C-alpha atoms as a PDB file:
ATOM      1  CA  MET A   1     -17.797 -28.555  29.569  1.00  0.00           C
ATOM      2  CA  ASP A   2     -19.994 -26.392  27.368  1.00  0.00           C
ATOM      3  CA  PRO A   3     -17.803 -23.812  25.506  1.00  0.00           C
ATOM      4  CA  LEU A   4     -20.158 -20.957  26.403  1.00  0.00           C
ATOM      5  CA  MET A   5     -20.020 -21.876  30.105  1.00  0.00           C
ATOM      6  CA  GLU A   6     -16.234 -22.084  29.894  1.00  0.00           C
ATOM      7  CA  ILE A   7     -16.065 -18.536  28.485  1.00  0.00           C
ATOM      8  CA  PHE A   8     -18.421 -17.291  31.208  1.00  0.00           C
ATOM      9  CA  LEU A   9     -16.336 -18.873  33.986  1.00  0.00           C
ATOM     10  CA  THR A  10     -13.116 -17.440  32.535  1.00  0.00           C
ATOM     11  CA  GLN A  11     -14.629 -13.957  32.483  1.00  0.00           C
ATOM     12  CA  GLN A  12     -15.945 -14.322  36.042  1.00  0.00           C
ATOM     13  CA  ARG A  13     -12.449 -15.090  37.339  1.00  0.00           C
ATOM     14  CA  SER A  14     -11.160 -11.755  35.996  1.00  0.00           C
ATOM     15  CA  LYS A  15     -13.743  -9.537  37.745  1.00  0.00           C
ATOM     16  CA  SER A  16     -12.291  -6.887  40.026  1.00  0.00           C
ATOM     17  CA  LYS A  17     -14.939  -6.495  42.765  1.00  0.00           C
ATOM     18  CA  ILE A  18     -17.202  -8.625  44.946  1.00  0.00           C
ATOM     19  CA  PHE A  19     -20.643  -7.277  45.880  1.00  0.00           C
ATOM     20  CA  HIS A  20     -23.257  -8.123  48.506  1.00  0.00           C
ATOM     21  CA  LEU A  21     -26.683  -6.938  47.295  1.00  0.00           C
ATOM     22  CA  GLU A  22     -30.182  -7.188  48.701  1.00  0.00           C
ATOM     23  CA  ALA A  23     -33.441  -6.512  46.874  1.00  0.00           C
ATOM     24  CA  PHE A  24     -36.861  -6.115  48.473  1.00  0.00           C
ATOM     25  CA  VAL A  25     -40.080  -6.929  46.618  1.00  0.00           C
ATOM     26  CA  GLN A  26     -43.348  -6.963  48.546  1.00  0.00           C
ATOM     27  CA  ASP A  27     -42.690  -9.029  51.705  1.00  0.00           C
ATOM     28  CA  TYR A  28     -39.604 -10.840  50.411  1.00  0.00           C
ATOM     29  CA  ALA A  29     -35.880 -10.136  50.568  1.00  0.00           C
ATOM     30  CA  TYR A  30     -33.631 -11.479  47.807  1.00  0.00           C
ATOM     31  CA  ILE A  31     -29.971 -11.683  48.808  1.00  0.00           C
ATOM     32  CA  GLY A  32     -26.999 -11.935  46.487  1.00  0.00           C
ATOM     33  CA  THR A  33     -23.605 -12.489  48.100  1.00  0.00           C
ATOM     34  CA  ASP A  34     -20.176 -12.873  46.538  1.00  0.00           C
ATOM     35  CA  ILE A  35     -21.335 -11.448  43.196  1.00  0.00           C
ATOM     36  CA  LYS A  36     -18.226 -10.942  41.060  1.00  0.00           C
ATOM     37  CA  ALA A  37     -18.564  -7.911  38.792  1.00  0.00           C
ATOM     38  CA  ASP A  38     -16.641  -4.869  37.579  1.00  0.00           C
ATOM     39  CA  SER A  39     -19.341  -2.366  38.575  1.00  0.00           C
ATOM     40  CA  LEU A  40     -22.467  -2.006  40.671  1.00  0.00           C
ATOM     41  CA  ASP A  41     -24.595  -1.886  37.502  1.00  0.00           C
ATOM     42  CA  GLU A  42     -23.173  -5.224  36.363  1.00  0.00           C
ATOM     43  CA  ALA A  43     -23.761  -6.755  39.811  1.00  0.00           C
ATOM     44  CA  GLU A  44     -27.388  -5.558  39.752  1.00  0.00           C
ATOM     45  CA  LEU A  45     -27.881  -7.142  36.308  1.00  0.00           C
ATOM     46  CA  ILE A  46     -26.538 -10.446  37.637  1.00  0.00           C
ATOM     47  CA  LEU A  47     -28.867 -10.280  40.656  1.00  0.00           C
ATOM     48  CA  LYS A  48     -31.852  -9.507  38.408  1.00  0.00           C
ATOM     49  CA  SER A  49     -31.003 -12.369  36.053  1.00  0.00           C
ATOM     50  CA  VAL A  50     -30.770 -14.866  38.934  1.00  0.00           C
ATOM     51  CA  PHE A  51     -34.042 -13.783  40.559  1.00  0.00           C
ATOM     52  CA  GLY A  52     -35.683 -12.523  37.347  1.00  0.00           C
ATOM     53  CA  SER A  53     -39.016 -14.294  37.731  1.00  0.00           C
ATOM     54  CA  ALA A  54     -39.310 -13.033  41.314  1.00  0.00           C
ATOM     55  CA  PHE A  55     -39.326  -9.417  40.091  1.00  0.00           C
ATOM     56  CA  PRO A  56     -42.638  -9.277  38.188  1.00  0.00           C
ATOM     57  CA  GLY A  57     -42.219  -6.271  35.918  1.00  0.00           C
ATOM     58  CA  ASP A  58     -41.230  -4.112  38.869  1.00  0.00           C
ATOM     59  CA  ASP A  59     -37.823  -2.553  39.138  1.00  0.00           C
ATOM     60  CA  PRO A  60     -36.896  -3.724  42.638  1.00  0.00           C
ATOM     61  CA  GLU A  61     -35.187  -1.479  45.146  1.00  0.00           C
ATOM     62  CA  ILE A  62     -31.653  -2.885  45.385  1.00  0.00           C
ATOM     63  CA  PHE A  63     -29.271  -2.040  48.195  1.00  0.00           C
ATOM     64  CA  CYS A  64     -25.515  -2.528  48.036  1.00  0.00           C
ATOM     65  CA  LEU A  65     -24.378  -3.673  51.482  1.00  0.00           C
ATOM     66  CA  SER A  66     -20.736  -4.120  50.568  1.00  0.00           C
ATOM     67  CA  GLU A  67     -18.335  -3.651  47.679  1.00  0.00           C
ATOM     68  CA  GLU A  68     -14.841  -5.104  48.020  1.00  0.00           C
ATOM     69  CA  TRP A  69     -11.874  -5.005  45.676  1.00  0.00           C
ATOM     70  CA  VAL A  70     -10.268  -8.283  44.669  1.00  0.00           C
ATOM     71  CA  HIS A  71      -6.493  -8.112  45.102  1.00  0.00           C
END
């Protein structure tokens, strides 16, 4: 496995929350479920990086539908 990917996966396992986010751009909804992050800002960055090309220069309106702690 690529060393950089291994570091990323190790860091993802240690995240403390799981988010469900939805972003709306024009007539489309972009849904991100089970996003592991420490904060809402980090979860939004992950969503934007996954769907980056779908958000053409606009800052999409992102809604947090759920935020759960990992025990």
